[in-house]
Amino acid sequence: MTELTMSNMKDRVGSELGVSDWMIVDQERINEFADCTGDRQRIHVDVDRARRESPFGGPVAHGYLTLSLIGPLSLDVGVVPSDAAAGFNYGLDKVRFLAPVPAGGASDCASSSTMSRKRTTASFSSRPGTPLKSRTAASQP
């Protein structure tokens, strides 16, 4: 696939920019996220109890941990044009966590491009079921 640049962004509107590699969300990552945020709910960090009591049959990643993977996974796709001064997270619309990511599971990111005025945005959704979306914007000078 052609490298994304500021000059060819308009040509890429409506096309898939790419799909990231899979990122494993293991129990260690979940525990570290819990330590950072203080969100130590048993469904995330108490493996034995989550296996016994959780409707998911074991611990699951925090929704916000899954959401935070957009950054590194989108960079893996190459959504920031190679000649851009910087890429910025433009914001989120209607985030929904439709399916849990079990400990030891994986997430990836598929992205496509849309254009509005002088701003080009790339929308991201985790597959399958598109449970999360984000936009990263790069402004034309």
N, C-alpha and C. Protein backbone atom coordinates (compact mmCIF):
# COMPACT_ATOMS: atom_id res chain seq x y z
N MET A 1 0.85 -1.18 0.00
CA MET A 1 0.00 0.00 0.00
C MET A 1 0.89 1.24 0.00
N THR A 2 0.44 2.30 -0.66
CA THR A 2 1.18 3.54 -0.77
C THR A 2 1.28 4.23 0.58
N GLU A 3 2.45 4.79 0.86
CA GLU A 3 2.65 5.53 2.10
C GLU A 3 1.72 6.74 2.14
N LEU A 4 1.13 7.00 3.29
CA LEU A 4 0.22 8.13 3.47
C LEU A 4 1.05 9.40 3.67
N THR A 5 0.77 10.42 2.85
CA THR A 5 1.42 11.72 2.97
C THR A 5 0.34 12.80 2.94
N MET A 6 0.72 14.01 3.32
CA MET A 6 -0.24 15.11 3.30
C MET A 6 -0.73 15.35 1.88
N SER A 7 0.12 15.17 0.89
CA SER A 7 -0.27 15.45 -0.50
C SER A 7 -1.18 14.38 -1.10
N ASN A 8 -1.12 13.13 -0.60
CA ASN A 8 -1.98 12.10 -1.19
C ASN A 8 -3.16 11.72 -0.30
N MET A 9 -3.40 12.47 0.77
CA MET A 9 -4.51 12.15 1.67
C MET A 9 -5.85 12.19 0.94
N LYS A 10 -6.05 13.19 0.07
CA LYS A 10 -7.33 13.30 -0.64
C LYS A 10 -7.58 12.08 -1.52
N ASP A 11 -6.53 11.51 -2.06
CA ASP A 11 -6.66 10.33 -2.92
C ASP A 11 -7.06 9.09 -2.12
N ARG A 12 -6.84 9.12 -0.82
CA ARG A 12 -7.09 7.96 0.03
C ARG A 12 -8.45 8.01 0.72
N VAL A 13 -9.21 9.09 0.54
CA VAL A 13 -10.51 9.24 1.18
C VAL A 13 -11.41 8.09 0.76
N GLY A 14 -12.05 7.47 1.75
CA GLY A 14 -12.96 6.36 1.50
C GLY A 14 -12.28 5.01 1.38
N SER A 15 -10.98 4.99 1.46
CA SER A 15 -10.27 3.71 1.34
C SER A 15 -9.74 3.27 2.70
N GLU A 16 -9.50 1.99 2.79
CA GLU A 16 -8.91 1.46 4.01
C GLU A 16 -7.44 1.87 4.05
N LEU A 17 -7.02 2.42 5.19
CA LEU A 17 -5.62 2.80 5.35
C LEU A 17 -4.77 1.60 5.75
N GLY A 18 -5.39 0.63 6.40
CA GLY A 18 -4.66 -0.55 6.79
C GLY A 18 -5.25 -1.21 8.01
N VAL A 19 -4.67 -2.33 8.35
CA VAL A 19 -5.06 -3.10 9.53
C VAL A 19 -3.80 -3.36 10.34
N SER A 20 -3.88 -3.10 11.62
CA SER A 20 -2.71 -3.28 12.48
C SER A 20 -2.43 -4.75 12.74
N ASP A 21 -1.27 -5.00 13.33
CA ASP A 21 -0.99 -6.32 13.86
C ASP A 21 -1.88 -6.53 15.09
N TRP A 22 -2.02 -7.78 15.49
CA TRP A 22 -2.76 -8.09 16.71
C TRP A 22 -1.91 -7.71 17.92
N MET A 23 -2.55 -7.17 18.96
CA MET A 23 -1.88 -6.88 20.23
C MET A 23 -2.51 -7.76 21.30
N ILE A 24 -1.69 -8.55 21.96
CA ILE A 24 -2.17 -9.44 23.02
C ILE A 24 -2.47 -8.61 24.27
N VAL A 25 -3.62 -8.86 24.85
CA VAL A 25 -4.03 -8.20 26.10
C VAL A 25 -3.99 -9.27 27.18
N ASP A 26 -2.80 -9.46 27.75
CA ASP A 26 -2.63 -10.52 28.75
C ASP A 26 -2.94 -10.00 30.16
N GLN A 27 -2.97 -10.92 31.11
CA GLN A 27 -3.32 -10.56 32.49
C GLN A 27 -2.33 -9.55 33.07
N GLU A 28 -1.08 -9.64 32.71
CA GLU A 28 -0.09 -8.68 33.20
C GLU A 28 -0.44 -7.25 32.75
N ARG A 29 -0.80 -7.10 31.49
CA ARG A 29 -1.19 -5.77 30.98
C ARG A 29 -2.44 -5.27 31.71
N ILE A 30 -3.40 -6.16 31.93
CA ILE A 30 -4.63 -5.78 32.65
C ILE A 30 -4.29 -5.33 34.07
N ASN A 31 -3.43 -6.07 34.76
CA ASN A 31 -3.03 -5.71 36.12
C ASN A 31 -2.31 -4.37 36.16
N GLU A 32 -1.42 -4.13 35.19
CA GLU A 32 -0.70 -2.86 35.14
C GLU A 32 -1.66 -1.70 34.89
N PHE A 33 -2.65 -1.90 34.04
CA PHE A 33 -3.65 -0.86 33.80
C PHE A 33 -4.43 -0.60 35.09
N ALA A 34 -4.78 -1.66 35.79
CA ALA A 34 -5.51 -1.51 37.06
C ALA A 34 -4.67 -0.72 38.06
N ASP A 35 -3.38 -1.00 38.13
CA ASP A 35 -2.49 -0.26 39.04
C ASP A 35 -2.43 1.22 38.67
N CYS A 36 -2.36 1.51 37.38
CA CYS A 36 -2.27 2.90 36.93
C CYS A 36 -3.56 3.68 37.19
N THR A 37 -4.69 3.05 37.04
CA THR A 37 -5.97 3.76 37.12
C THR A 37 -6.66 3.61 38.46
N GLY A 38 -6.26 2.62 39.24
CA GLY A 38 -6.95 2.36 40.49
C GLY A 38 -8.22 1.54 40.32
N ASP A 39 -8.52 1.13 39.10
CA ASP A 39 -9.71 0.33 38.82
C ASP A 39 -9.35 -1.15 38.98
N ARG A 40 -9.52 -1.65 40.20
CA ARG A 40 -9.11 -3.02 40.51
C ARG A 40 -10.33 -3.91 40.74
N GLN A 41 -11.37 -3.73 39.93
CA GLN A 41 -12.55 -4.58 40.05
C GLN A 41 -12.16 -6.03 39.82
N ARG A 42 -12.79 -6.90 40.58
CA ARG A 42 -12.42 -8.33 40.54
C ARG A 42 -12.60 -8.95 39.16
N ILE A 43 -13.51 -8.44 38.36
CA ILE A 43 -13.73 -8.99 37.03
C ILE A 43 -12.49 -8.82 36.15
N HIS A 44 -11.61 -7.89 36.56
CA HIS A 44 -10.38 -7.63 35.82
C HIS A 44 -9.15 -8.30 36.45
N VAL A 45 -9.03 -8.23 37.78
CA VAL A 45 -7.75 -8.59 38.41
C VAL A 45 -7.79 -9.83 39.30
N ASP A 46 -8.95 -10.29 39.73
CA ASP A 46 -9.03 -11.48 40.58
C ASP A 46 -9.35 -12.68 39.69
N VAL A 47 -8.29 -13.32 39.21
CA VAL A 47 -8.43 -14.38 38.20
C VAL A 47 -9.32 -15.51 38.70
N ASP A 48 -9.06 -16.02 39.90
CA ASP A 48 -9.84 -17.16 40.42
C ASP A 48 -11.31 -16.80 40.59
N ARG A 49 -11.57 -15.65 41.19
CA ARG A 49 -12.96 -15.25 41.41
C ARG A 49 -13.67 -14.96 40.08
N ALA A 50 -12.96 -14.34 39.13
CA ALA A 50 -13.57 -14.06 37.83
C ALA A 50 -13.90 -15.37 37.11
N ARG A 51 -13.06 -16.39 37.27
CA ARG A 51 -13.36 -17.69 36.65
C ARG A 51 -14.61 -18.31 37.26
N ARG A 52 -14.78 -18.13 38.57
CA ARG A 52 -15.94 -18.70 39.26
C ARG A 52 -17.22 -17.90 39.04
N GLU A 53 -17.14 -16.57 39.06
CA GLU A 53 -18.33 -15.73 39.15
C GLU A 53 -18.64 -14.89 37.91
N SER A 54 -17.69 -14.67 37.06
CA SER A 54 -17.90 -13.78 35.92
C SER A 54 -18.76 -14.44 34.85
N PRO A 55 -19.66 -13.71 34.25
CA PRO A 55 -20.43 -14.27 33.13
C PRO A 55 -19.55 -14.55 31.91
N PHE A 56 -18.30 -14.04 31.93
CA PHE A 56 -17.38 -14.24 30.82
C PHE A 56 -16.45 -15.43 31.04
N GLY A 57 -16.55 -16.07 32.20
CA GLY A 57 -15.74 -17.26 32.47
C GLY A 57 -14.31 -16.99 32.86
N GLY A 58 -13.97 -15.76 33.13
CA GLY A 58 -12.62 -15.39 33.52
C GLY A 58 -12.45 -13.88 33.46
N PRO A 59 -11.26 -13.41 33.78
CA PRO A 59 -11.03 -11.96 33.78
C PRO A 59 -11.08 -11.38 32.36
N VAL A 60 -11.51 -10.13 32.28
CA VAL A 60 -11.57 -9.41 31.01
C VAL A 60 -10.84 -8.07 31.18
N ALA A 61 -10.39 -7.55 30.05
CA ALA A 61 -9.72 -6.24 30.05
C ALA A 61 -10.72 -5.14 30.36
N HIS A 62 -10.24 -4.08 30.97
CA HIS A 62 -11.04 -2.89 31.19
C HIS A 62 -11.43 -2.33 29.82
N GLY A 63 -12.63 -1.80 29.73
CA GLY A 63 -13.03 -1.16 28.47
C GLY A 63 -12.08 -0.04 28.09
N TYR A 64 -11.66 0.75 29.08
CA TYR A 64 -10.77 1.87 28.78
C TYR A 64 -9.36 1.39 28.41
N LEU A 65 -8.96 0.24 28.87
CA LEU A 65 -7.70 -0.34 28.40
C LEU A 65 -7.82 -0.66 26.92
N THR A 66 -8.91 -1.31 26.55
CA THR A 66 -9.14 -1.63 25.14
C THR A 66 -9.15 -0.35 24.31
N LEU A 67 -9.83 0.67 24.79
CA LEU A 67 -9.89 1.95 24.10
C LEU A 67 -8.51 2.58 23.95
N SER A 68 -7.68 2.46 24.98
CA SER A 68 -6.35 3.08 24.94
C SER A 68 -5.43 2.44 23.90
N LEU A 69 -5.79 1.27 23.41
CA LEU A 69 -4.97 0.61 22.40
C LEU A 69 -5.08 1.26 21.03
N ILE A 70 -6.05 2.14 20.84
CA ILE A 70 -6.20 2.82 19.56
C ILE A 70 -4.90 3.54 19.18
N GLY A 71 -4.28 4.20 20.15
CA GLY A 71 -3.06 4.96 19.85
C GLY A 71 -1.96 4.11 19.22
N PRO A 72 -1.46 3.13 19.94
CA PRO A 72 -0.37 2.34 19.36
C PRO A 72 -0.79 1.51 18.15
N LEU A 73 -2.01 1.01 18.14
CA LEU A 73 -2.44 0.21 16.99
C LEU A 73 -2.62 1.07 15.74
N SER A 74 -3.10 2.29 15.90
CA SER A 74 -3.26 3.16 14.73
C SER A 74 -1.90 3.60 14.19
N LEU A 75 -0.93 3.79 15.07
CA LEU A 75 0.41 4.11 14.59
C LEU A 75 1.00 2.93 13.83
N ASP A 76 0.66 1.73 14.23
CA ASP A 76 1.11 0.52 13.53
C ASP A 76 0.58 0.52 12.09
N VAL A 77 -0.62 1.06 11.89
CA VAL A 77 -1.22 1.14 10.57
C VAL A 77 -0.56 2.23 9.72
N GLY A 78 -0.02 3.24 10.38
CA GLY A 78 0.60 4.35 9.65
C GLY A 78 -0.38 5.44 9.30
N VAL A 79 -1.28 5.78 10.23
CA VAL A 79 -2.32 6.76 9.95
C VAL A 79 -1.84 8.21 9.99
N VAL A 80 -0.70 8.47 10.61
CA VAL A 80 -0.16 9.82 10.62
C VAL A 80 0.69 9.96 9.36
N PRO A 81 0.36 10.92 8.50
CA PRO A 81 1.14 11.08 7.27
C PRO A 81 2.63 11.23 7.57
N SER A 82 3.45 10.62 6.75
CA SER A 82 4.89 10.60 7.02
C SER A 82 5.51 11.99 7.01
N ASP A 83 4.89 12.94 6.31
CA ASP A 83 5.45 14.29 6.25
C ASP A 83 4.67 15.29 7.13
N ALA A 84 3.78 14.80 7.98
CA ALA A 84 3.04 15.68 8.89
C ALA A 84 3.93 16.06 10.07
N ALA A 85 3.74 17.28 10.56
CA ALA A 85 4.51 17.72 11.72
C ALA A 85 4.12 16.91 12.96
N ALA A 86 2.84 16.55 13.06
CA ALA A 86 2.37 15.78 14.21
C ALA A 86 0.99 15.22 13.88
N GLY A 87 0.58 14.21 14.63
CA GLY A 87 -0.76 13.67 14.55
C GLY A 87 -1.44 13.89 15.88
N PHE A 88 -2.71 14.26 15.86
CA PHE A 88 -3.44 14.54 17.09
C PHE A 88 -4.72 13.72 17.14
N ASN A 89 -5.08 13.30 18.34
CA ASN A 89 -6.35 12.61 18.54
C ASN A 89 -7.43 13.67 18.55
N TYR A 90 -8.28 13.63 17.55
CA TYR A 90 -9.33 14.62 17.37
C TYR A 90 -10.48 14.42 18.35
N GLY A 91 -10.66 13.21 18.86
CA GLY A 91 -11.72 12.97 19.82
C GLY A 91 -12.47 11.68 19.53
N LEU A 92 -13.47 11.42 20.34
CA LEU A 92 -14.25 10.20 20.24
C LEU A 92 -15.73 10.52 20.14
N ASP A 93 -16.44 9.74 19.37
CA ASP A 93 -17.88 9.85 19.27
C ASP A 93 -18.50 8.50 19.54
N LYS A 94 -19.51 8.47 20.40
CA LYS A 94 -20.31 7.27 20.63
C LYS A 94 -19.47 6.01 20.86
N VAL A 95 -18.62 6.05 21.85
CA VAL A 95 -17.84 4.86 22.19
C VAL A 95 -18.75 3.86 22.89
N ARG A 96 -18.73 2.64 22.42
CA ARG A 96 -19.49 1.56 23.03
C ARG A 96 -18.57 0.36 23.14
N PHE A 97 -18.68 -0.37 24.23
CA PHE A 97 -17.90 -1.58 24.44
C PHE A 97 -18.85 -2.76 24.22
N LEU A 98 -18.89 -3.25 23.00
CA LEU A 98 -19.87 -4.25 22.61
C LEU A 98 -19.48 -5.67 22.98
N ALA A 99 -18.19 -5.93 23.14
CA ALA A 99 -17.74 -7.28 23.46
C ALA A 99 -16.50 -7.18 24.33
N PRO A 100 -16.41 -7.99 25.38
CA PRO A 100 -15.23 -7.94 26.23
C PRO A 100 -14.02 -8.56 25.54
N VAL A 101 -12.84 -8.11 25.95
CA VAL A 101 -11.60 -8.74 25.51
C VAL A 101 -11.12 -9.57 26.70
N PRO A 102 -11.14 -10.90 26.59
CA PRO A 102 -10.72 -11.74 27.71
C PRO A 102 -9.21 -11.64 27.92
N ALA A 103 -8.78 -11.85 29.15
CA ALA A 103 -7.34 -11.90 29.43
C ALA A 103 -6.72 -12.95 28.52
N GLY A 104 -5.65 -12.58 27.85
CA GLY A 104 -5.01 -13.47 26.90
C GLY A 104 -5.54 -13.32 25.50
N GLY A 105 -6.60 -12.51 25.34
CA GLY A 105 -7.17 -12.25 24.02
C GLY A 105 -6.33 -11.23 23.27
N ALA A 106 -6.79 -10.83 22.11
CA ALA A 106 -6.04 -9.89 21.30
C ALA A 106 -6.99 -8.87 20.69
N SER A 107 -6.44 -7.73 20.32
CA SER A 107 -7.19 -6.69 19.66
C SER A 107 -6.36 -6.17 18.50
N ASP A 108 -7.03 -5.69 17.46
CA ASP A 108 -6.34 -5.04 16.37
C ASP A 108 -7.14 -3.82 15.95
N CYS A 109 -6.66 -3.11 14.96
CA CYS A 109 -7.29 -1.87 14.55
C CYS A 109 -7.35 -1.82 13.04
N ALA A 110 -8.53 -1.58 12.51
CA ALA A 110 -8.70 -1.35 11.07
C ALA A 110 -9.05 0.12 10.91
N SER A 111 -8.47 0.79 9.93
CA SER A 111 -8.74 2.21 9.77
C SER A 111 -9.07 2.54 8.33
N SER A 112 -9.91 3.56 8.18
CA SER A 112 -10.23 4.09 6.86
C SER A 112 -10.23 5.60 6.95
N SER A 113 -10.23 6.27 5.81
CA SER A 113 -10.09 7.71 5.78
C SER A 113 -11.37 8.37 5.28
N THR A 114 -11.71 9.50 5.91
CA THR A 114 -12.81 10.34 5.44
C THR A 114 -12.29 11.77 5.42
N MET A 115 -12.94 12.65 4.69
CA MET A 115 -12.45 14.03 4.62
C MET A 115 -13.58 15.01 4.87
N SER A 116 -13.26 16.08 5.61
CA SER A 116 -14.21 17.13 5.90
C SER A 116 -13.47 18.47 5.87
N ARG A 117 -13.87 19.36 5.00
CA ARG A 117 -13.24 20.67 4.83
C ARG A 117 -11.75 20.52 4.63
N LYS A 118 -10.96 21.21 5.46
CA LYS A 118 -9.50 21.13 5.33
C LYS A 118 -8.92 20.07 6.26
N ARG A 119 -9.75 19.32 6.92
CA ARG A 119 -9.28 18.34 7.90
C ARG A 119 -9.56 16.94 7.38
N THR A 120 -8.57 16.11 7.42
CA THR A 120 -8.75 14.71 7.04
C THR A 120 -8.75 13.89 8.31
N THR A 121 -9.71 13.02 8.44
CA THR A 121 -9.78 12.19 9.64
C THR A 121 -9.69 10.73 9.26
N ALA A 122 -9.08 9.98 10.14
CA ALA A 122 -9.03 8.53 9.96
C ALA A 122 -9.86 7.93 11.08
N SER A 123 -10.80 7.10 10.74
CA SER A 123 -11.65 6.46 11.74
C SER A 123 -11.12 5.07 12.03
N PHE A 124 -11.14 4.68 13.27
CA PHE A 124 -10.62 3.39 13.68
C PHE A 124 -11.70 2.57 14.35
N SER A 125 -11.71 1.31 14.09
CA SER A 125 -12.62 0.42 14.80
C SER A 125 -11.91 -0.89 15.06
N SER A 126 -12.06 -1.35 16.27
CA SER A 126 -11.49 -2.64 16.63
C SER A 126 -12.37 -3.72 16.04
N ARG A 127 -11.79 -4.76 15.53
CA ARG A 127 -12.58 -5.85 14.93
C ARG A 127 -12.56 -7.03 15.87
N PRO A 128 -13.43 -7.95 15.90
CA PRO A 128 -14.69 -7.99 15.17
C PRO A 128 -15.76 -7.18 15.89
N GLY A 129 -16.82 -6.86 15.22
CA GLY A 129 -17.96 -6.20 15.83
C GLY A 129 -17.81 -4.70 16.01
N THR A 130 -16.73 -4.12 15.57
CA THR A 130 -16.44 -2.70 15.68
C THR A 130 -16.83 -2.10 17.03
N PRO A 131 -16.27 -2.61 18.15
CA PRO A 131 -16.68 -2.07 19.44
C PRO A 131 -16.10 -0.71 19.80
N LEU A 132 -15.12 -0.19 19.08
CA LEU A 132 -14.64 1.13 19.44
C LEU A 132 -14.24 1.91 18.20
N LYS A 133 -14.45 3.23 18.28
CA LYS A 133 -14.09 4.09 17.15
C LYS A 133 -13.41 5.34 17.67
N SER A 134 -12.50 5.86 16.89
CA SER A 134 -11.79 7.08 17.22
C SER A 134 -11.47 7.82 15.94
N ARG A 135 -11.09 9.08 16.06
CA ARG A 135 -10.64 9.81 14.89
C ARG A 135 -9.33 10.50 15.22
N THR A 136 -8.42 10.46 14.28
CA THR A 136 -7.18 11.18 14.37
C THR A 136 -7.16 12.17 13.22
N ALA A 137 -6.83 13.42 13.49
CA ALA A 137 -6.90 14.44 12.45
C ALA A 137 -5.53 14.98 12.11
N ALA A 138 -5.35 15.32 10.86
CA ALA A 138 -4.17 16.02 10.38
C ALA A 138 -4.65 17.18 9.54
N SER A 139 -4.29 18.40 9.92
CA SER A 139 -4.76 19.58 9.19
C SER A 139 -3.82 19.93 8.06
N GLN A 140 -4.38 20.39 6.96
CA GLN A 140 -3.58 20.89 5.86
C GLN A 140 -3.03 22.25 6.27
N PRO A 141 -1.80 22.60 5.87
CA PRO A 141 -1.25 23.92 6.26
C PRO A 141 -1.99 25.06 5.59
